[in-house]
Amino acid sequence: SRVAALRRHAVRVRNHAKLVDCYLSTFYKNKGI
């Protein structure tokens, strides 16, 4: 149960980091010169 809780938290951290990165890539795609 402790490893499962740790895994759930790690998945949430990974998803958060990747989603923030998607926001950033969208920003850089739409940013003009």
PDB file of all heavy atoms in Angstrom:
ATOM      1  N   SER A   1       0.832  -1.209   0.000  1.00  0.00           N
ATOM      2  CA  SER A   1       0.000   0.000   0.000  1.00  0.00           C
ATOM      3  C   SER A   1       0.865   1.257   0.000  1.00  0.00           C
ATOM      4  O   SER A   1       0.520   2.245  -0.646  1.00  0.00           O
ATOM      5  CB  SER A   1      -0.969   0.003   1.171  1.00  0.00           C
ATOM      6  OG  SER A   1      -0.279   0.090   2.394  1.00  0.00           O
ATOM      7  N   ARG A   2       2.000   1.233   0.688  1.00  0.00           N
ATOM      8  CA  ARG A   2       2.884   2.398   0.678  1.00  0.00           C
ATOM      9  C   ARG A   2       3.503   2.609  -0.703  1.00  0.00           C
ATOM     10  O   ARG A   2       3.597   3.736  -1.174  1.00  0.00           O
ATOM     11  CB  ARG A   2       3.981   2.247   1.721  1.00  0.00           C
ATOM     12  CG  ARG A   2       3.484   2.471   3.115  1.00  0.00           C
ATOM     13  CD  ARG A   2       4.596   2.429   4.107  1.00  0.00           C
ATOM     14  NE  ARG A   2       4.063   2.626   5.451  1.00  0.00           N
ATOM     15  CZ  ARG A   2       4.788   2.557   6.533  1.00  0.00           C
ATOM     16  NH1 ARG A   2       6.072   2.293   6.456  1.00  0.00           N
ATOM     17  NH2 ARG A   2       4.239   2.755   7.703  1.00  0.00           N
ATOM     18  N   VAL A   3       3.920   1.524  -1.329  1.00  0.00           N
ATOM     19  CA  VAL A   3       4.486   1.645  -2.677  1.00  0.00           C
ATOM     20  C   VAL A   3       3.411   2.098  -3.659  1.00  0.00           C
ATOM     21  O   VAL A   3       3.675   2.917  -4.535  1.00  0.00           O
ATOM     22  CB  VAL A   3       5.146   0.315  -3.116  1.00  0.00           C
ATOM     23  CG1 VAL A   3       5.521   0.339  -4.583  1.00  0.00           C
ATOM     24  CG2 VAL A   3       6.385   0.037  -2.271  1.00  0.00           C
ATOM     25  N   ALA A   4       2.189   1.608  -3.494  1.00  0.00           N
ATOM     26  CA  ALA A   4       1.091   2.038  -4.371  1.00  0.00           C
ATOM     27  C   ALA A   4       0.793   3.529  -4.192  1.00  0.00           C
ATOM     28  O   ALA A   4       0.562   4.242  -5.169  1.00  0.00           O
ATOM     29  CB  ALA A   4      -0.158   1.209  -4.099  1.00  0.00           C
ATOM     30  N   ALA A   5       0.820   3.993  -2.952  1.00  0.00           N
ATOM     31  CA  ALA A   5       0.592   5.424  -2.707  1.00  0.00           C
ATOM     32  C   ALA A   5       1.729   6.253  -3.293  1.00  0.00           C
ATOM     33  O   ALA A   5       1.488   7.313  -3.893  1.00  0.00           O
ATOM     34  CB  ALA A   5       0.470   5.686  -1.208  1.00  0.00           C
ATOM     35  N   LEU A   6       2.944   5.774  -3.149  1.00  0.00           N
ATOM     36  CA  LEU A   6       4.096   6.467  -3.734  1.00  0.00           C
ATOM     37  C   LEU A   6       3.988   6.505  -5.250  1.00  0.00           C
ATOM     38  O   LEU A   6       4.267   7.524  -5.881  1.00  0.00           O
ATOM     39  CB  LEU A   6       5.395   5.775  -3.312  1.00  0.00           C
ATOM     40  CG  LEU A   6       6.679   6.348  -3.873  1.00  0.00           C
ATOM     41  CD1 LEU A   6       6.901   7.759  -3.344  1.00  0.00           C
ATOM     42  CD2 LEU A   6       7.845   5.463  -3.517  1.00  0.00           C
ATOM     43  N   ARG A   7       3.555   5.414  -5.846  1.00  0.00           N
ATOM     44  CA  ARG A   7       3.394   5.348  -7.302  1.00  0.00           C
ATOM     45  C   ARG A   7       2.316   6.318  -7.782  1.00  0.00           C
ATOM     46  O   ARG A   7       2.491   7.020  -8.775  1.00  0.00           O
ATOM     47  CB  ARG A   7       3.060   3.927  -7.737  1.00  0.00           C
ATOM     48  CG  ARG A   7       3.031   3.766  -9.232  1.00  0.00           C
ATOM     49  CD  ARG A   7       2.707   2.326  -9.631  1.00  0.00           C
ATOM     50  NE  ARG A   7       2.730   2.195 -11.064  1.00  0.00           N
ATOM     51  CZ  ARG A   7       1.758   2.591 -11.875  1.00  0.00           C
ATOM     52  NH1 ARG A   7       0.665   3.149 -11.377  1.00  0.00           N
ATOM     53  NH2 ARG A   7       1.859   2.437 -13.168  1.00  0.00           N
ATOM     54  N   ARG A   8       1.187   6.363  -7.070  1.00  0.00           N
ATOM     55  CA  ARG A   8       0.116   7.311  -7.436  1.00  0.00           C
ATOM     56  C   ARG A   8       0.616   8.747  -7.385  1.00  0.00           C
ATOM     57  O   ARG A   8       0.332   9.552  -8.275  1.00  0.00           O
ATOM     58  CB  ARG A   8      -1.094   7.144  -6.512  1.00  0.00           C
ATOM     59  CG  ARG A   8      -1.984   5.979  -6.843  1.00  0.00           C
ATOM     60  CD  ARG A   8      -3.284   6.037  -6.059  1.00  0.00           C
ATOM     61  NE  ARG A   8      -3.089   6.056  -4.617  1.00  0.00           N
ATOM     62  CZ  ARG A   8      -2.997   4.984  -3.840  1.00  0.00           C
ATOM     63  NH1 ARG A   8      -3.095   3.788  -4.370  1.00  0.00           N
ATOM     64  NH2 ARG A   8      -2.824   5.105  -2.535  1.00  0.00           N
ATOM     65  N   HIS A   9       1.376   9.075  -6.342  1.00  0.00           N
ATOM     66  CA  HIS A   9       1.905  10.427  -6.223  1.00  0.00           C
ATOM     67  C   HIS A   9       2.907  10.717  -7.342  1.00  0.00           C
ATOM     68  O   HIS A   9       2.903  11.813  -7.913  1.00  0.00           O
ATOM     69  CB  HIS A   9       2.562  10.622  -4.855  1.00  0.00           C
ATOM     70  CG  HIS A   9       3.043  12.009  -4.623  1.00  0.00           C
ATOM     71  ND1 HIS A   9       2.191  13.077  -4.452  1.00  0.00           N
ATOM     72  CD2 HIS A   9       4.301  12.520  -4.568  1.00  0.00           C
ATOM     73  CE1 HIS A   9       2.885  14.180  -4.292  1.00  0.00           C
ATOM     74  NE2 HIS A   9       4.176  13.875  -4.359  1.00  0.00           N
ATOM     75  N   ALA A  10       3.749   9.751  -7.666  1.00  0.00           N
ATOM     76  CA  ALA A  10       4.736   9.934  -8.743  1.00  0.00           C
ATOM     77  C   ALA A  10       4.037  10.146 -10.086  1.00  0.00           C
ATOM     78  O   ALA A  10       4.477  10.965 -10.899  1.00  0.00           O
ATOM     79  CB  ALA A  10       5.677   8.737  -8.806  1.00  0.00           C
ATOM     80  N   VAL A  11       2.953   9.433 -10.323  1.00  0.00           N
ATOM     81  CA  VAL A  11       2.192   9.611 -11.570  1.00  0.00           C
ATOM     82  C   VAL A  11       1.593  11.010 -11.621  1.00  0.00           C
ATOM     83  O   VAL A  11       1.624  11.666 -12.667  1.00  0.00           O
ATOM     84  CB  VAL A  11       1.093   8.529 -11.699  1.00  0.00           C
ATOM     85  CG1 VAL A  11       0.096   8.866 -12.794  1.00  0.00           C
ATOM     86  CG2 VAL A  11       1.729   7.167 -11.961  1.00  0.00           C
ATOM     87  N   ARG A  12       1.080  11.492 -10.501  1.00  0.00           N
ATOM     88  CA  ARG A  12       0.517  12.847 -10.472  1.00  0.00           C
ATOM     89  C   ARG A  12       1.590  13.902 -10.720  1.00  0.00           C
ATOM     90  O   ARG A  12       1.355  14.875 -11.439  1.00  0.00           O
ATOM     91  CB  ARG A  12      -0.182  13.100  -9.135  1.00  0.00           C
ATOM     92  CG  ARG A  12      -1.473  12.299  -9.002  1.00  0.00           C
ATOM     93  CD  ARG A  12      -2.161  12.523  -7.694  1.00  0.00           C
ATOM     94  NE  ARG A  12      -2.548  13.919  -7.556  1.00  0.00           N
ATOM     95  CZ  ARG A  12      -2.747  14.509  -6.404  1.00  0.00           C
ATOM     96  NH1 ARG A  12      -2.605  13.848  -5.274  1.00  0.00           N
ATOM     97  NH2 ARG A  12      -3.107  15.773  -6.353  1.00  0.00           N
ATOM     98  N   VAL A  13       2.771  13.701 -10.145  1.00  0.00           N
ATOM     99  CA  VAL A  13       3.876  14.644 -10.360  1.00  0.00           C
ATOM    100  C   VAL A  13       4.303  14.632 -11.823  1.00  0.00           C
ATOM    101  O   VAL A  13       4.507  15.682 -12.438  1.00  0.00           O
ATOM    102  CB  VAL A  13       5.073  14.308  -9.430  1.00  0.00           C
ATOM    103  CG1 VAL A  13       6.326  15.044  -9.845  1.00  0.00           C
ATOM    104  CG2 VAL A  13       4.725  14.618  -7.991  1.00  0.00           C
ATOM    105  N   ARG A  14       4.428  13.431 -12.397  1.00  0.00           N
ATOM    106  CA  ARG A  14       4.812  13.315 -13.808  1.00  0.00           C
ATOM    107  C   ARG A  14       3.779  13.983 -14.707  1.00  0.00           C
ATOM    108  O   ARG A  14       4.131  14.744 -15.614  1.00  0.00           O
ATOM    109  CB  ARG A  14       4.959  11.843 -14.189  1.00  0.00           C
ATOM    110  CG  ARG A  14       5.340  11.671 -15.663  1.00  0.00           C
ATOM    111  CD  ARG A  14       5.063  10.303 -16.190  1.00  0.00           C
ATOM    112  NE  ARG A  14       3.644  10.015 -16.100  1.00  0.00           N
ATOM    113  CZ  ARG A  14       3.136   8.805 -16.205  1.00  0.00           C
ATOM    114  NH1 ARG A  14       3.917   7.769 -16.351  1.00  0.00           N
ATOM    115  NH2 ARG A  14       1.843   8.617 -16.152  1.00  0.00           N
ATOM    116  N   ASN A  15       2.507  13.723 -14.472  1.00  0.00           N
ATOM    117  CA  ASN A  15       1.449  14.316 -15.295  1.00  0.00           C
ATOM    118  C   ASN A  15       1.445  15.838 -15.166  1.00  0.00           C
ATOM    119  O   ASN A  15       1.246  16.543 -16.162  1.00  0.00           O
ATOM    120  CB  ASN A  15       0.092  13.752 -14.907  1.00  0.00           C
ATOM    121  CG  ASN A  15      -0.059  12.297 -15.286  1.00  0.00           C
ATOM    122  OD1 ASN A  15       0.769  11.741 -16.004  1.00  0.00           O
ATOM    123  ND2 ASN A  15      -1.091  11.664 -14.788  1.00  0.00           N
ATOM    124  N   HIS A  16       1.676  16.333 -13.960  1.00  0.00           N
ATOM    125  CA  HIS A  16       1.720  17.784 -13.754  1.00  0.00           C
ATOM    126  C   HIS A  16       2.882  18.389 -14.541  1.00  0.00           C
ATOM    127  O   HIS A  16       2.711  19.392 -15.240  1.00  0.00           O
ATOM    128  CB  HIS A  16       1.857  18.098 -12.268  1.00  0.00           C
ATOM    129  CG  HIS A  16       2.072  19.537 -11.966  1.00  0.00           C
ATOM    130  ND1 HIS A  16       1.089  20.489 -12.138  1.00  0.00           N
ATOM    131  CD2 HIS A  16       3.163  20.204 -11.528  1.00  0.00           C
ATOM    132  CE1 HIS A  16       1.556  21.674 -11.803  1.00  0.00           C
ATOM    133  NE2 HIS A  16       2.819  21.533 -11.430  1.00  0.00           N
ATOM    134  N   ALA A  17       4.051  17.776 -14.442  1.00  0.00           N
ATOM    135  CA  ALA A  17       5.225  18.307 -15.150  1.00  0.00           C
ATOM    136  C   ALA A  17       5.009  18.287 -16.659  1.00  0.00           C
ATOM    137  O   ALA A  17       5.337  19.253 -17.361  1.00  0.00           O
ATOM    138  CB  ALA A  17       6.466  17.492 -14.788  1.00  0.00           C
ATOM    139  N   LYS A  18       4.441  17.211 -17.163  1.00  0.00           N
ATOM    140  CA  LYS A  18       4.223  17.119 -18.610  1.00  0.00           C
ATOM    141  C   LYS A  18       3.138  18.082 -19.081  1.00  0.00           C
ATOM    142  O   LYS A  18       3.231  18.629 -20.179  1.00  0.00           O
ATOM    143  CB  LYS A  18       3.899  15.684 -19.006  1.00  0.00           C
ATOM    144  CG  LYS A  18       5.122  14.785 -18.922  1.00  0.00           C
ATOM    145  CD  LYS A  18       4.843  13.418 -19.466  1.00  0.00           C
ATOM    146  CE  LYS A  18       6.118  12.597 -19.462  1.00  0.00           C
ATOM    147  NZ  LYS A  18       5.916  11.292 -20.085  1.00  0.00           N
ATOM    148  N   LEU A  19       2.124  18.300 -18.264  1.00  0.00           N
ATOM    149  CA  LEU A  19       1.070  19.235 -18.664  1.00  0.00           C
ATOM    150  C   LEU A  19       1.577  20.677 -18.643  1.00  0.00           C
ATOM    151  O   LEU A  19       1.268  21.454 -19.553  1.00  0.00           O
ATOM    152  CB  LEU A  19      -0.154  19.085 -17.768  1.00  0.00           C
ATOM    153  CG  LEU A  19      -1.405  19.816 -18.228  1.00  0.00           C
ATOM    154  CD1 LEU A  19      -1.799  19.395 -19.641  1.00  0.00           C
ATOM    155  CD2 LEU A  19      -2.546  19.560 -17.287  1.00  0.00           C
ATOM    156  N   VAL A  20       2.375  21.029 -17.649  1.00  0.00           N
ATOM    157  CA  VAL A  20       2.979  22.364 -17.633  1.00  0.00           C
ATOM    158  C   VAL A  20       3.880  22.530 -18.855  1.00  0.00           C
ATOM    159  O   VAL A  20       3.905  23.587 -19.486  1.00  0.00           O
ATOM    160  CB  VAL A  20       3.759  22.611 -16.317  1.00  0.00           C
ATOM    161  CG1 VAL A  20       4.599  23.866 -16.399  1.00  0.00           C
ATOM    162  CG2 VAL A  20       2.789  22.713 -15.146  1.00  0.00           C
ATOM    163  N   ASP A  21       4.589  21.463 -19.224  1.00  0.00           N
ATOM    164  CA  ASP A  21       5.431  21.514 -20.416  1.00  0.00           C
ATOM    165  C   ASP A  21       4.583  21.684 -21.678  1.00  0.00           C
ATOM    166  O   ASP A  21       5.001  22.372 -22.612  1.00  0.00           O
ATOM    167  CB  ASP A  21       6.278  20.247 -20.508  1.00  0.00           C
ATOM    168  CG  ASP A  21       7.414  20.399 -21.478  1.00  0.00           C
ATOM    169  OD1 ASP A  21       8.196  21.368 -21.353  1.00  0.00           O
ATOM    170  OD2 ASP A  21       7.530  19.540 -22.395  1.00  0.00           O
ATOM    171  N   CYS A  22       3.400  21.090 -21.714  1.00  0.00           N
ATOM    172  CA  CYS A  22       2.497  21.285 -22.863  1.00  0.00           C
ATOM    173  C   CYS A  22       2.014  22.735 -22.940  1.00  0.00           C
ATOM    174  O   CYS A  22       1.905  23.296 -24.032  1.00  0.00           O
ATOM    175  CB  CYS A  22       1.302  20.343 -22.777  1.00  0.00           C
ATOM    176  SG  CYS A  22       1.696  18.657 -23.187  1.00  0.00           S
ATOM    177  N   TYR A  23       1.708  23.324 -21.793  1.00  0.00           N
ATOM    178  CA  TYR A  23       1.357  24.747 -21.773  1.00  0.00           C
ATOM    179  C   TYR A  23       2.514  25.573 -22.325  1.00  0.00           C
ATOM    180  O   TYR A  23       2.311  26.491 -23.121  1.00  0.00           O
ATOM    181  CB  TYR A  23       1.034  25.206 -20.346  1.00  0.00           C
ATOM    182  CG  TYR A  23      -0.398  25.029 -19.916  1.00  0.00           C
ATOM    183  CD1 TYR A  23      -0.810  23.908 -19.224  1.00  0.00           C
ATOM    184  CD2 TYR A  23      -1.344  26.019 -20.177  1.00  0.00           C
ATOM    185  CE1 TYR A  23      -2.120  23.758 -18.814  1.00  0.00           C
ATOM    186  CE2 TYR A  23      -2.656  25.888 -19.763  1.00  0.00           C
ATOM    187  CZ  TYR A  23      -3.036  24.750 -19.081  1.00  0.00           C
ATOM    188  OH  TYR A  23      -4.339  24.615 -18.686  1.00  0.00           O
ATOM    189  N   LEU A  24       3.740  25.248 -21.893  1.00  0.00           N
ATOM    190  CA  LEU A  24       4.910  25.991 -22.360  1.00  0.00           C
ATOM    191  C   LEU A  24       5.138  25.818 -23.856  1.00  0.00           C
ATOM    192  O   LEU A  24       5.437  26.786 -24.558  1.00  0.00           O
ATOM    193  CB  LEU A  24       6.162  25.511 -21.616  1.00  0.00           C
ATOM    194  CG  LEU A  24       6.467  26.210 -20.322  1.00  0.00           C
ATOM    195  CD1 LEU A  24       7.628  25.529 -19.623  1.00  0.00           C
ATOM    196  CD2 LEU A  24       6.774  27.659 -20.546  1.00  0.00           C
ATOM    197  N   SER A  25       5.015  24.598 -24.353  1.00  0.00           N
ATOM    198  CA  SER A  25       5.231  24.388 -25.789  1.00  0.00           C
ATOM    199  C   SER A  25       4.167  25.105 -26.609  1.00  0.00           C
ATOM    200  O   SER A  25       4.466  25.648 -27.677  1.00  0.00           O
ATOM    201  CB  SER A  25       5.281  22.901 -26.127  1.00  0.00           C
ATOM    202  OG  SER A  25       4.057  22.285 -25.849  1.00  0.00           O
ATOM    203  N   THR A  26       2.937  25.159 -26.103  1.00  0.00           N
ATOM    204  CA  THR A  26       1.888  25.916 -26.776  1.00  0.00           C
ATOM    205  C   THR A  26       2.237  27.402 -26.788  1.00  0.00           C
ATOM    206  O   THR A  26       2.045  28.089 -27.800  1.00  0.00           O
ATOM    207  CB  THR A  26       0.534  25.696 -26.082  1.00  0.00           C
ATOM    208  OG1 THR A  26       0.238  24.308 -26.080  1.00  0.00           O
ATOM    209  CG2 THR A  26      -0.575  26.460 -26.767  1.00  0.00           C
ATOM    210  N   PHE A  27       2.765  27.890 -25.686  1.00  0.00           N
ATOM    211  CA  PHE A  27       3.177  29.287 -25.601  1.00  0.00           C
ATOM    212  C   PHE A  27       4.262  29.584 -26.638  1.00  0.00           C
ATOM    213  O   PHE A  27       4.178  30.576 -27.371  1.00  0.00           O
ATOM    214  CB  PHE A  27       3.680  29.605 -24.189  1.00  0.00           C
ATOM    215  CG  PHE A  27       4.314  30.950 -24.054  1.00  0.00           C
ATOM    216  CD1 PHE A  27       3.550  32.102 -24.076  1.00  0.00           C
ATOM    217  CD2 PHE A  27       5.691  31.069 -23.911  1.00  0.00           C
ATOM    218  CE1 PHE A  27       4.136  33.358 -23.948  1.00  0.00           C
ATOM    219  CE2 PHE A  27       6.285  32.306 -23.776  1.00  0.00           C
ATOM    220  CZ  PHE A  27       5.505  33.453 -23.802  1.00  0.00           C
ATOM    221  N   TYR A  28       5.276  28.730 -26.722  1.00  0.00           N
ATOM    222  CA  TYR A  28       6.376  28.973 -27.660  1.00  0.00           C
ATOM    223  C   TYR A  28       5.946  28.816 -29.117  1.00  0.00           C
ATOM    224  O   TYR A  28       6.476  29.488 -29.995  1.00  0.00           O
ATOM    225  CB  TYR A  28       7.564  28.069 -27.352  1.00  0.00           C
ATOM    226  CG  TYR A  28       8.283  28.483 -26.088  1.00  0.00           C
ATOM    227  CD1 TYR A  28       8.475  27.582 -25.061  1.00  0.00           C
ATOM    228  CD2 TYR A  28       8.734  29.782 -25.911  1.00  0.00           C
ATOM    229  CE1 TYR A  28       9.128  27.960 -23.897  1.00  0.00           C
ATOM    230  CE2 TYR A  28       9.376  30.169 -24.750  1.00  0.00           C
ATOM    231  CZ  TYR A  28       9.571  29.249 -23.751  1.00  0.00           C
ATOM    232  OH  TYR A  28      10.207  29.633 -22.600  1.00  0.00           O
ATOM    233  N   LYS A  29       4.960  27.933 -29.384  1.00  0.00           N
ATOM    234  CA  LYS A  29       4.453  27.784 -30.757  1.00  0.00           C
ATOM    235  C   LYS A  29       3.704  29.034 -31.203  1.00  0.00           C
ATOM    236  O   LYS A  29       3.765  29.422 -32.369  1.00  0.00           O
ATOM    237  CB  LYS A  29       3.498  26.590 -30.849  1.00  0.00           C
ATOM    238  CG  LYS A  29       4.166  25.258 -30.901  1.00  0.00           C
ATOM    239  CD  LYS A  29       3.110  24.167 -30.986  1.00  0.00           C
ATOM    240  CE  LYS A  29       3.662  22.839 -30.594  1.00  0.00           C
ATOM    241  NZ  LYS A  29       2.621  21.812 -30.462  1.00  0.00           N
ATOM    242  N   ASN A  30       2.973  29.652 -30.276  1.00  0.00           N
ATOM    243  CA  ASN A  30       2.146  30.815 -30.623  1.00  0.00           C
ATOM    244  C   ASN A  30       2.871  32.139 -30.459  1.00  0.00           C
ATOM    245  O   ASN A  30       2.351  33.176 -30.860  1.00  0.00           O
ATOM    246  CB  ASN A  30       0.872  30.820 -29.774  1.00  0.00           C
ATOM    247  CG  ASN A  30      -0.056  29.714 -30.181  1.00  0.00           C
ATOM    248  OD1 ASN A  30      -0.563  29.700 -31.292  1.00  0.00           O
ATOM    249  ND2 ASN A  30      -0.254  28.752 -29.296  1.00  0.00           N
ATOM    250  N   LYS A  31       4.029  32.113 -29.868  1.00  0.00           N
ATOM    251  CA  LYS A  31       4.794  33.333 -29.659  1.00  0.00           C
ATOM    252  C   LYS A  31       5.466  33.735 -30.974  1.00  0.00           C
ATOM    253  O   LYS A  31       6.132  32.950 -31.615  1.00  0.00           O
ATOM    254  CB  LYS A  31       5.858  33.100 -28.588  1.00  0.00           C
ATOM    255  CG  LYS A  31       6.654  34.309 -28.235  1.00  0.00           C
ATOM    256  CD  LYS A  31       7.670  33.973 -27.159  1.00  0.00           C
ATOM    257  CE  LYS A  31       8.535  35.185 -26.920  1.00  0.00           C
ATOM    258  NZ  LYS A  31       9.655  34.878 -26.036  1.00  0.00           N
ATOM    259  N   GLY A  32       5.253  34.950 -31.368  1.00  0.00           N
ATOM    260  CA  GLY A  32       5.850  35.453 -32.598  1.00  0.00           C
ATOM    261  C   GLY A  32       7.243  36.015 -32.357  1.00  0.00           C
ATOM    262  O   GLY A  32       7.740  36.076 -31.230  1.00  0.00           O
ATOM    263  N   ILE A  33       7.859  36.447 -33.434  1.00  0.00           N
ATOM    264  CA  ILE A  33       9.212  37.000 -33.361  1.00  0.00           C
ATOM    265  C   ILE A  33       9.224  38.287 -32.539  1.00  0.00           C
ATOM    266  O   ILE A  33      10.140  38.529 -31.768  1.00  0.00           O
ATOM    267  CB  ILE A  33       9.757  37.271 -34.779  1.00  0.00           C
ATOM    268  CG1 ILE A  33       9.876  35.972 -35.542  1.00  0.00           C
ATOM    269  CG2 ILE A  33      11.099  37.976 -34.715  1.00  0.00           C
ATOM    270  CD1 ILE A  33      10.192  36.154 -37.019  1.00  0.00           C
TER     271      ILE A  33
END
